[in-house]
N, C-alpha and C. Protein backbone atom coordinates (compact mmCIF):
# COMPACT_ATOMS: atom_id res chain seq x y z
N MET A 1 -7.54 -46.85 -56.46
CA MET A 1 -8.34 -47.62 -57.40
C MET A 1 -9.62 -48.05 -56.72
N ARG A 2 -10.70 -48.00 -57.47
CA ARG A 2 -12.00 -48.32 -56.91
C ARG A 2 -12.71 -49.35 -57.77
N ASP A 3 -13.90 -49.74 -57.32
CA ASP A 3 -14.77 -50.62 -58.09
C ASP A 3 -14.10 -51.93 -58.48
N GLY A 4 -13.33 -52.48 -57.58
CA GLY A 4 -12.70 -53.77 -57.85
C GLY A 4 -11.49 -53.68 -58.76
N ALA A 5 -11.04 -52.48 -59.09
CA ALA A 5 -9.91 -52.32 -60.00
C ALA A 5 -8.64 -52.90 -59.40
N ARG A 6 -8.43 -52.70 -58.10
CA ARG A 6 -7.21 -53.23 -57.47
C ARG A 6 -7.25 -54.75 -57.47
N ARG A 7 -8.39 -55.31 -57.17
CA ARG A 7 -8.51 -56.77 -57.21
C ARG A 7 -8.24 -57.28 -58.62
N PHE A 8 -8.79 -56.60 -59.60
CA PHE A 8 -8.54 -57.00 -60.98
C PHE A 8 -7.06 -56.86 -61.31
N ALA A 9 -6.41 -55.82 -60.81
CA ALA A 9 -4.98 -55.62 -61.07
C ALA A 9 -4.18 -56.82 -60.55
N TYR A 10 -4.55 -57.33 -59.40
CA TYR A 10 -3.87 -58.51 -58.87
C TYR A 10 -4.12 -59.73 -59.75
N ARG A 11 -5.34 -59.90 -60.20
CA ARG A 11 -5.64 -61.03 -61.09
C ARG A 11 -4.86 -60.91 -62.39
N LEU A 12 -4.78 -59.71 -62.94
CA LEU A 12 -4.06 -59.49 -64.18
C LEU A 12 -2.57 -59.72 -63.97
N ALA A 13 -2.02 -59.24 -62.86
CA ALA A 13 -0.60 -59.45 -62.58
C ALA A 13 -0.29 -60.94 -62.49
N LEU A 14 -1.14 -61.67 -61.81
CA LEU A 14 -0.96 -63.11 -61.71
C LEU A 14 -0.98 -63.76 -63.08
N ARG A 15 -1.94 -63.35 -63.88
CA ARG A 15 -2.10 -63.90 -65.23
C ARG A 15 -0.91 -63.58 -66.13
N LEU A 16 -0.35 -62.36 -65.98
CA LEU A 16 0.76 -61.92 -66.83
C LEU A 16 2.14 -62.25 -66.26
N GLY A 17 2.16 -62.79 -65.03
CA GLY A 17 3.43 -63.19 -64.44
C GLY A 17 4.19 -62.07 -63.72
N TRP A 18 3.50 -61.06 -63.28
CA TRP A 18 4.12 -59.97 -62.53
C TRP A 18 3.99 -60.25 -61.04
N ALA A 19 5.09 -60.18 -60.31
CA ALA A 19 5.03 -60.31 -58.86
C ALA A 19 4.70 -58.97 -58.21
N ASP A 20 5.11 -57.88 -58.85
CA ASP A 20 4.91 -56.54 -58.32
C ASP A 20 3.76 -55.87 -59.07
N VAL A 21 2.60 -55.83 -58.44
CA VAL A 21 1.40 -55.27 -59.07
C VAL A 21 1.60 -53.81 -59.42
N ASP A 22 2.20 -53.05 -58.53
CA ASP A 22 2.41 -51.62 -58.79
C ASP A 22 3.35 -51.40 -59.97
N ALA A 23 4.38 -52.23 -60.10
CA ALA A 23 5.28 -52.12 -61.26
C ALA A 23 4.54 -52.44 -62.55
N MET A 24 3.66 -53.44 -62.51
CA MET A 24 2.87 -53.77 -63.70
C MET A 24 2.00 -52.59 -64.09
N LEU A 25 1.32 -52.00 -63.09
CA LEU A 25 0.45 -50.86 -63.38
C LEU A 25 1.24 -49.67 -63.92
N ALA A 26 2.44 -49.47 -63.40
CA ALA A 26 3.27 -48.36 -63.88
C ALA A 26 3.74 -48.59 -65.31
N SER A 27 3.79 -49.85 -65.73
CA SER A 27 4.28 -50.16 -67.07
C SER A 27 3.22 -50.02 -68.15
N MET A 28 1.96 -49.76 -67.76
CA MET A 28 0.90 -49.65 -68.76
C MET A 28 0.13 -48.35 -68.57
N SER A 29 -0.49 -47.92 -69.65
CA SER A 29 -1.30 -46.70 -69.57
C SER A 29 -2.66 -47.04 -68.96
N ALA A 30 -3.37 -46.01 -68.55
CA ALA A 30 -4.72 -46.21 -68.02
C ALA A 30 -5.62 -46.83 -69.07
N ALA A 31 -5.44 -46.42 -70.32
CA ALA A 31 -6.26 -46.96 -71.42
C ALA A 31 -6.00 -48.47 -71.58
N GLN A 32 -4.75 -48.88 -71.46
CA GLN A 32 -4.45 -50.31 -71.57
C GLN A 32 -5.10 -51.10 -70.44
N PHE A 33 -5.05 -50.52 -69.24
CA PHE A 33 -5.66 -51.21 -68.09
C PHE A 33 -7.16 -51.34 -68.30
N VAL A 34 -7.80 -50.29 -68.77
CA VAL A 34 -9.24 -50.32 -69.04
C VAL A 34 -9.55 -51.36 -70.11
N GLU A 35 -8.71 -51.45 -71.12
CA GLU A 35 -8.92 -52.45 -72.18
C GLU A 35 -8.77 -53.87 -71.64
N TRP A 36 -7.79 -54.09 -70.75
CA TRP A 36 -7.63 -55.40 -70.13
C TRP A 36 -8.89 -55.77 -69.32
N ARG A 37 -9.44 -54.80 -68.60
CA ARG A 37 -10.66 -55.07 -67.83
C ARG A 37 -11.82 -55.41 -68.75
N ALA A 38 -11.93 -54.68 -69.85
CA ALA A 38 -13.00 -54.95 -70.82
C ALA A 38 -12.82 -56.35 -71.43
N TYR A 39 -11.59 -56.68 -71.78
CA TYR A 39 -11.32 -58.00 -72.34
C TYR A 39 -11.67 -59.11 -71.33
N ALA A 40 -11.28 -58.91 -70.07
CA ALA A 40 -11.55 -59.92 -69.04
C ALA A 40 -13.04 -60.08 -68.80
N SER A 41 -13.82 -59.02 -69.02
CA SER A 41 -15.28 -59.16 -68.86
C SER A 41 -15.87 -59.99 -69.99
N LEU A 42 -15.23 -59.95 -71.17
CA LEU A 42 -15.69 -60.76 -72.30
C LEU A 42 -15.14 -62.18 -72.25
N GLU A 43 -13.89 -62.31 -71.84
CA GLU A 43 -13.20 -63.60 -71.77
C GLU A 43 -12.59 -63.76 -70.38
N PRO A 44 -13.38 -64.21 -69.41
CA PRO A 44 -12.87 -64.31 -68.03
C PRO A 44 -11.64 -65.21 -67.93
N PHE A 45 -10.77 -64.88 -66.98
CA PHE A 45 -9.54 -65.63 -66.77
C PHE A 45 -9.79 -66.80 -65.82
N ASP A 46 -9.06 -67.85 -66.00
CA ASP A 46 -8.83 -68.95 -65.07
C ASP A 46 -10.03 -69.35 -64.21
N GLU A 47 -9.92 -69.09 -62.89
CA GLU A 47 -10.94 -69.55 -61.95
C GLU A 47 -12.30 -68.92 -62.19
N GLU A 48 -12.32 -67.69 -62.64
CA GLU A 48 -13.60 -67.06 -62.94
C GLU A 48 -14.30 -67.81 -64.07
N ARG A 49 -13.54 -68.25 -65.04
CA ARG A 49 -14.10 -69.04 -66.15
C ARG A 49 -14.60 -70.39 -65.61
N ALA A 50 -13.84 -71.01 -64.73
CA ALA A 50 -14.26 -72.28 -64.14
C ALA A 50 -15.53 -72.10 -63.32
N ASP A 51 -15.62 -70.99 -62.57
CA ASP A 51 -16.83 -70.71 -61.79
C ASP A 51 -18.03 -70.54 -62.72
N LEU A 52 -17.83 -69.89 -63.85
CA LEU A 52 -18.90 -69.69 -64.82
C LEU A 52 -19.38 -71.04 -65.37
N ARG A 53 -18.44 -71.89 -65.72
CA ARG A 53 -18.83 -73.22 -66.23
C ARG A 53 -19.62 -74.00 -65.18
N ALA A 54 -19.16 -73.96 -63.94
CA ALA A 54 -19.86 -74.67 -62.87
C ALA A 54 -21.25 -74.07 -62.65
N ALA A 55 -21.38 -72.75 -62.74
CA ALA A 55 -22.68 -72.10 -62.55
C ALA A 55 -23.64 -72.47 -63.67
N ILE A 56 -23.12 -72.61 -64.88
CA ILE A 56 -23.98 -73.02 -66.01
C ILE A 56 -24.52 -74.42 -65.77
N VAL A 57 -23.67 -75.32 -65.32
CA VAL A 57 -24.10 -76.69 -65.03
C VAL A 57 -25.13 -76.69 -63.89
N ALA A 58 -24.85 -75.94 -62.82
CA ALA A 58 -25.78 -75.89 -61.69
C ALA A 58 -27.13 -75.31 -62.10
N ALA A 59 -27.12 -74.25 -62.91
CA ALA A 59 -28.39 -73.65 -63.37
C ALA A 59 -29.15 -74.61 -64.25
N THR A 60 -28.44 -75.34 -65.09
CA THR A 60 -29.10 -76.32 -65.96
C THR A 60 -29.78 -77.40 -65.13
N ILE A 61 -29.07 -77.92 -64.15
CA ILE A 61 -29.64 -78.97 -63.28
C ILE A 61 -30.84 -78.42 -62.51
N ALA A 62 -30.71 -77.22 -61.97
CA ALA A 62 -31.82 -76.61 -61.21
C ALA A 62 -33.03 -76.42 -62.11
N ASN A 63 -32.83 -75.99 -63.34
CA ASN A 63 -33.96 -75.74 -64.23
C ASN A 63 -34.60 -77.03 -64.74
N VAL A 64 -33.80 -78.07 -64.92
CA VAL A 64 -34.36 -79.36 -65.35
C VAL A 64 -35.27 -79.93 -64.26
N HIS A 65 -34.90 -79.68 -63.00
CA HIS A 65 -35.65 -80.26 -61.88
C HIS A 65 -36.65 -79.31 -61.24
N ARG A 66 -36.81 -78.11 -61.76
CA ARG A 66 -37.77 -77.18 -61.16
C ARG A 66 -39.17 -77.50 -61.65
N ASP A 67 -40.13 -77.20 -60.82
CA ASP A 67 -41.55 -77.37 -61.17
C ASP A 67 -42.02 -76.07 -61.81
N PRO A 68 -42.28 -76.06 -63.13
CA PRO A 68 -42.66 -74.81 -63.80
C PRO A 68 -43.94 -74.19 -63.26
N LYS A 69 -44.80 -75.01 -62.63
CA LYS A 69 -46.03 -74.45 -62.05
C LYS A 69 -45.72 -73.66 -60.78
N ARG A 70 -44.82 -74.16 -59.97
CA ARG A 70 -44.46 -73.47 -58.73
C ARG A 70 -43.40 -72.40 -58.95
N HIS A 71 -42.53 -72.62 -59.92
CA HIS A 71 -41.42 -71.69 -60.22
C HIS A 71 -41.39 -71.45 -61.72
N PRO A 72 -42.26 -70.55 -62.20
CA PRO A 72 -42.36 -70.35 -63.65
C PRO A 72 -41.13 -69.72 -64.30
N THR A 73 -40.33 -68.98 -63.53
CA THR A 73 -39.16 -68.33 -64.09
C THR A 73 -37.94 -69.22 -63.92
N PRO A 74 -37.22 -69.50 -65.00
CA PRO A 74 -36.00 -70.32 -64.89
C PRO A 74 -34.96 -69.63 -64.00
N VAL A 75 -34.15 -70.45 -63.37
CA VAL A 75 -33.07 -69.95 -62.52
C VAL A 75 -31.93 -69.49 -63.41
N GLY A 76 -31.41 -68.31 -63.15
CA GLY A 76 -30.31 -67.77 -63.95
C GLY A 76 -28.95 -68.25 -63.46
N VAL A 77 -27.99 -68.19 -64.35
CA VAL A 77 -26.61 -68.59 -64.03
C VAL A 77 -26.05 -67.72 -62.91
N ASP A 78 -26.41 -66.44 -62.89
CA ASP A 78 -25.87 -65.51 -61.90
C ASP A 78 -26.17 -65.93 -60.46
N VAL A 79 -27.24 -66.68 -60.26
CA VAL A 79 -27.59 -67.15 -58.91
C VAL A 79 -26.49 -68.06 -58.36
N PHE A 80 -25.81 -68.78 -59.25
CA PHE A 80 -24.81 -69.75 -58.83
C PHE A 80 -23.37 -69.25 -58.93
N MET A 81 -23.20 -68.01 -59.36
CA MET A 81 -21.84 -67.45 -59.44
C MET A 81 -21.40 -66.97 -58.06
N PRO A 82 -20.24 -67.40 -57.60
CA PRO A 82 -19.77 -66.92 -56.30
C PRO A 82 -19.48 -65.43 -56.35
N ARG A 83 -19.78 -64.76 -55.26
CA ARG A 83 -19.52 -63.32 -55.14
C ARG A 83 -18.65 -63.11 -53.91
N PHE A 84 -17.37 -62.93 -54.14
CA PHE A 84 -16.43 -62.81 -53.03
C PHE A 84 -16.37 -61.40 -52.47
N ASP A 85 -16.91 -60.45 -53.20
CA ASP A 85 -16.83 -59.06 -52.74
C ASP A 85 -18.03 -58.64 -51.92
N ARG A 86 -18.99 -59.52 -51.76
CA ARG A 86 -20.16 -59.18 -50.95
C ARG A 86 -19.80 -59.20 -49.48
N ARG A 87 -20.21 -58.20 -48.80
CA ARG A 87 -19.99 -58.14 -47.36
C ARG A 87 -21.34 -57.95 -46.70
N PRO A 88 -21.63 -58.77 -45.72
CA PRO A 88 -22.90 -58.57 -45.04
C PRO A 88 -22.91 -57.22 -44.34
N SER A 89 -24.00 -56.52 -44.50
CA SER A 89 -24.08 -55.22 -43.84
C SER A 89 -24.60 -55.41 -42.42
N GLN A 90 -23.95 -54.76 -41.50
CA GLN A 90 -24.34 -54.83 -40.10
C GLN A 90 -24.50 -53.41 -39.57
N THR A 91 -25.46 -53.27 -38.73
CA THR A 91 -25.61 -51.98 -38.05
C THR A 91 -24.54 -51.91 -36.96
N TRP A 92 -24.33 -50.72 -36.44
CA TRP A 92 -23.35 -50.59 -35.36
C TRP A 92 -23.83 -51.34 -34.13
N GLN A 93 -25.17 -51.45 -33.97
CA GLN A 93 -25.71 -52.17 -32.82
C GLN A 93 -25.38 -53.67 -32.93
N GLN A 94 -25.49 -54.20 -34.15
CA GLN A 94 -25.15 -55.61 -34.36
C GLN A 94 -23.66 -55.85 -34.14
N GLN A 95 -22.83 -54.93 -34.62
CA GLN A 95 -21.39 -55.05 -34.42
C GLN A 95 -21.05 -54.99 -32.93
N LYS A 96 -21.71 -54.10 -32.21
CA LYS A 96 -21.47 -53.97 -30.77
C LYS A 96 -21.88 -55.26 -30.05
N ALA A 97 -23.03 -55.81 -30.42
CA ALA A 97 -23.50 -57.05 -29.79
C ALA A 97 -22.52 -58.19 -30.05
N LEU A 98 -21.99 -58.26 -31.26
CA LEU A 98 -21.02 -59.30 -31.59
C LEU A 98 -19.74 -59.11 -30.77
N ALA A 99 -19.27 -57.87 -30.66
CA ALA A 99 -18.07 -57.58 -29.87
C ALA A 99 -18.29 -57.96 -28.41
N GLN A 100 -19.49 -57.70 -27.88
CA GLN A 100 -19.79 -58.04 -26.49
C GLN A 100 -19.81 -59.57 -26.30
N MET A 101 -20.34 -60.29 -27.27
CA MET A 101 -20.36 -61.75 -27.18
C MET A 101 -18.94 -62.31 -27.19
N ILE A 102 -18.08 -61.77 -28.07
CA ILE A 102 -16.70 -62.23 -28.14
C ILE A 102 -15.98 -61.92 -26.83
N SER A 103 -16.20 -60.72 -26.31
CA SER A 103 -15.58 -60.32 -25.05
C SER A 103 -16.04 -61.22 -23.91
N ALA A 104 -17.33 -61.52 -23.85
CA ALA A 104 -17.86 -62.38 -22.78
C ALA A 104 -17.26 -63.78 -22.87
N ALA A 105 -17.13 -64.30 -24.08
CA ALA A 105 -16.55 -65.63 -24.26
C ALA A 105 -15.08 -65.62 -23.83
N TYR A 106 -14.36 -64.58 -24.20
CA TYR A 106 -12.95 -64.44 -23.82
C TYR A 106 -12.81 -64.37 -22.31
N ASN A 107 -13.64 -63.54 -21.67
CA ASN A 107 -13.58 -63.39 -20.22
C ASN A 107 -13.94 -64.68 -19.51
N ALA A 108 -14.92 -65.41 -20.03
CA ALA A 108 -15.31 -66.69 -19.43
C ALA A 108 -14.16 -67.68 -19.53
N ASP A 109 -13.43 -67.65 -20.63
CA ASP A 109 -12.29 -68.55 -20.82
C ASP A 109 -11.19 -68.21 -19.83
N ILE A 110 -10.93 -66.91 -19.61
CA ILE A 110 -9.90 -66.49 -18.66
C ILE A 110 -10.29 -66.90 -17.24
N GLU A 111 -11.56 -66.69 -16.89
CA GLU A 111 -12.03 -67.07 -15.55
C GLU A 111 -11.93 -68.58 -15.33
N ALA A 112 -12.21 -69.35 -16.36
CA ALA A 112 -12.11 -70.80 -16.26
C ALA A 112 -10.66 -71.21 -16.03
N ASP A 113 -9.72 -70.53 -16.71
CA ASP A 113 -8.30 -70.84 -16.53
C ASP A 113 -7.84 -70.51 -15.12
N HIS A 114 -8.33 -69.41 -14.54
CA HIS A 114 -7.92 -69.00 -13.19
C HIS A 114 -8.56 -69.88 -12.13
N GLY A 115 -9.66 -70.49 -12.44
CA GLY A 115 -10.36 -71.33 -11.48
C GLY A 115 -9.74 -72.70 -11.32
N ARG A 116 -8.82 -73.04 -12.21
CA ARG A 116 -8.19 -74.38 -12.15
C ARG A 116 -7.12 -74.47 -11.12
């Protein structure tokens, strides 16, 4: 499953009371699953709905207090919606540098323990 489908399957299983996500998926057709996804995009479930309400309030407050001369475009609700699937992109050089920093910190900690 791609494009967040597996994550959605877990949300749907939780909503429908299934402990076994794979059993839930086996019990429905692909068309039913697609329809559930479409429905959830129109009527978000639980926490997603709460996040949307909070984002609407935050956008309203931001727009009431924005200076239209400095910021002529109103702030959209999407700016305040949490995005849990975003991953910061790192180059391999950045990942290597981070690994070296962690290794150096670990080695310094070991040396400090042996010096006692």
